Amino acid sequence: MIPNLPIIVEVVTGGGPGGGSATVKIAGAPEAWFAKDIASGDLTVSICGECGHAELHVNNVAALCEKYVKSQKL
């Protein structure tokens, strides 16, 4: 579990209305001015059609967790 991770979302809209994608990025070296050693993953959402509950999911979770752990050791 990665606790209290701030949500930073980049939205790229190139597919017209409703199109585009969202990405989660974690820097392994957040203090660096350049070359922050970033891992990223595509963000998707699942929504319940009855109550509207939404859950976010990200691919590339192993690399994101690795970068998070690395950033906490600095």
C-alpha atoms as a PDB file:
ATOM      1  CA  MET A   1       0.000   0.000   0.000  1.00  0.00           C
ATOM      2  CA  ILE A   2       1.275   3.458  -0.886  1.00  0.00           C
ATOM      3  CA  PRO A   3      -0.286   5.743   1.774  1.00  0.00           C
ATOM      4  CA  ASN A   4      -1.250   9.381   1.319  1.00  0.00           C
ATOM      5  CA  LEU A   5       0.062   9.606  -2.231  1.00  0.00           C
ATOM      6  CA  PRO A   6      -0.939  12.960  -3.728  1.00  0.00           C
ATOM      7  CA  ILE A   7      -3.029  12.573  -6.855  1.00  0.00           C
ATOM      8  CA  ILE A   8      -1.297  14.180  -9.791  1.00  0.00           C
ATOM      9  CA  VAL A   9      -3.031  13.447 -13.060  1.00  0.00           C
ATOM     10  CA  GLU A  10      -1.975  14.457 -16.543  1.00  0.00           C
ATOM     11  CA  VAL A  11      -4.859  14.338 -18.986  1.00  0.00           C
ATOM     12  CA  VAL A  12      -4.080  14.098 -22.675  1.00  0.00           C
ATOM     13  CA  THR A  13      -7.042  14.868 -24.885  1.00  0.00           C
ATOM     14  CA  GLY A  14      -6.492  13.889 -28.466  1.00  0.00           C
ATOM     15  CA  GLY A  15      -9.445  11.608 -29.045  1.00  0.00           C
ATOM     16  CA  GLY A  16     -12.141  14.274 -29.144  1.00  0.00           C
ATOM     17  CA  PRO A  17     -14.927  14.608 -26.586  1.00  0.00           C
ATOM     18  CA  GLY A  18     -14.555  11.986 -23.887  1.00  0.00           C
ATOM     19  CA  GLY A  19     -11.259  10.813 -25.347  1.00  0.00           C
ATOM     20  CA  GLY A  20      -7.836  10.911 -23.833  1.00  0.00           C
ATOM     21  CA  SER A  21      -5.958   9.204 -21.038  1.00  0.00           C
ATOM     22  CA  ALA A  22      -4.757   9.837 -17.489  1.00  0.00           C
ATOM     23  CA  THR A  23      -1.344   8.883 -16.120  1.00  0.00           C
ATOM     24  CA  VAL A  24       0.072   8.474 -12.622  1.00  0.00           C
ATOM     25  CA  LYS A  25       3.761   9.339 -12.192  1.00  0.00           C
ATOM     26  CA  ILE A  26       6.070   8.696  -9.229  1.00  0.00           C
ATOM     27  CA  ALA A  27       9.594  10.121  -9.098  1.00  0.00           C
ATOM     28  CA  GLY A  28      12.291   7.850  -7.677  1.00  0.00           C
ATOM     29  CA  ALA A  29      14.508  10.911  -7.189  1.00  0.00           C
ATOM     30  CA  PRO A  30      12.052  13.753  -6.423  1.00  0.00           C
ATOM     31  CA  GLU A  31      14.816  16.084  -5.215  1.00  0.00           C
ATOM     32  CA  ALA A  32      16.595  15.989  -8.592  1.00  0.00           C
ATOM     33  CA  TRP A  33      16.323  19.030 -10.868  1.00  0.00           C
ATOM     34  CA  PHE A  34      16.494  16.834 -13.954  1.00  0.00           C
ATOM     35  CA  ALA A  35      16.263  13.084 -14.543  1.00  0.00           C
ATOM     36  CA  LYS A  36      13.864  12.435 -11.676  1.00  0.00           C
ATOM     37  CA  ASP A  37      13.831   8.647 -12.395  1.00  0.00           C
ATOM     38  CA  ILE A  38      10.090   8.571 -13.073  1.00  0.00           C
ATOM     39  CA  ALA A  39       7.848   5.515 -13.362  1.00  0.00           C
ATOM     40  CA  SER A  40       4.372   5.951 -14.828  1.00  0.00           C
ATOM     41  CA  GLY A  41       1.203   3.964 -15.288  1.00  0.00           C
ATOM     42  CA  ASP A  42      -2.071   4.459 -17.126  1.00  0.00           C
ATOM     43  CA  LEU A  43      -5.018   5.228 -14.889  1.00  0.00           C
ATOM     44  CA  THR A  44      -8.486   3.757 -15.483  1.00  0.00           C
ATOM     45  CA  VAL A  45     -11.692   3.888 -13.448  1.00  0.00           C
ATOM     46  CA  SER A  46     -14.441   1.335 -12.783  1.00  0.00           C
ATOM     47  CA  ILE A  47     -17.855   2.770 -11.860  1.00  0.00           C
ATOM     48  CA  CYS A  48     -20.848   0.980 -10.346  1.00  0.00           C
ATOM     49  CA  GLY A  49     -23.927   1.533 -12.510  1.00  0.00           C
ATOM     50  CA  GLU A  50     -26.235   1.334  -9.478  1.00  0.00           C
ATOM     51  CA  CYS A  51     -24.632   3.495  -6.781  1.00  0.00           C
ATOM     52  CA  GLY A  52     -21.878   5.406  -8.624  1.00  0.00           C
ATOM     53  CA  HIS A  53     -19.029   4.054  -6.467  1.00  0.00           C
ATOM     54  CA  ALA A  54     -15.793   4.555  -8.390  1.00  0.00           C
ATOM     55  CA  GLU A  55     -12.460   2.729  -8.086  1.00  0.00           C
ATOM     56  CA  LEU A  56      -9.238   3.842  -9.731  1.00  0.00           C
ATOM     57  CA  HIS A  57      -6.848   1.264 -11.148  1.00  0.00           C
ATOM     58  CA  VAL A  58      -3.321   1.732 -12.478  1.00  0.00           C
ATOM     59  CA  ASN A  59      -1.215  -0.545 -14.644  1.00  0.00           C
ATOM     60  CA  ASN A  60       2.551  -0.934 -14.082  1.00  0.00           C
ATOM     61  CA  VAL A  61       1.925  -1.095 -10.329  1.00  0.00           C
ATOM     62  CA  ALA A  62       5.155  -2.975  -9.529  1.00  0.00           C
ATOM     63  CA  ALA A  63       7.340  -0.248 -11.062  1.00  0.00           C
ATOM     64  CA  LEU A  64       5.312   2.497  -9.346  1.00  0.00           C
ATOM     65  CA  CYS A  65       5.681   0.810  -5.945  1.00  0.00           C
ATOM     66  CA  GLU A  66       9.417   0.338  -6.520  1.00  0.00           C
ATOM     67  CA  LYS A  67       9.871   4.065  -7.281  1.00  0.00           C
ATOM     68  CA  TYR A  68       7.790   5.028  -4.248  1.00  0.00           C
ATOM     69  CA  VAL A  69       9.901   2.884  -1.928  1.00  0.00           C
ATOM     70  CA  LYS A  70      13.079   4.304  -3.504  1.00  0.00           C
ATOM     71  CA  SER A  71      11.860   7.879  -2.991  1.00  0.00           C
ATOM     72  CA  GLN A  72      11.177   7.230   0.711  1.00  0.00           C
ATOM     73  CA  LYS A  73      14.752   6.040   1.353  1.00  0.00           C
ATOM     74  CA  LEU A  74      16.268   9.369   0.331  1.00  0.00           C
END
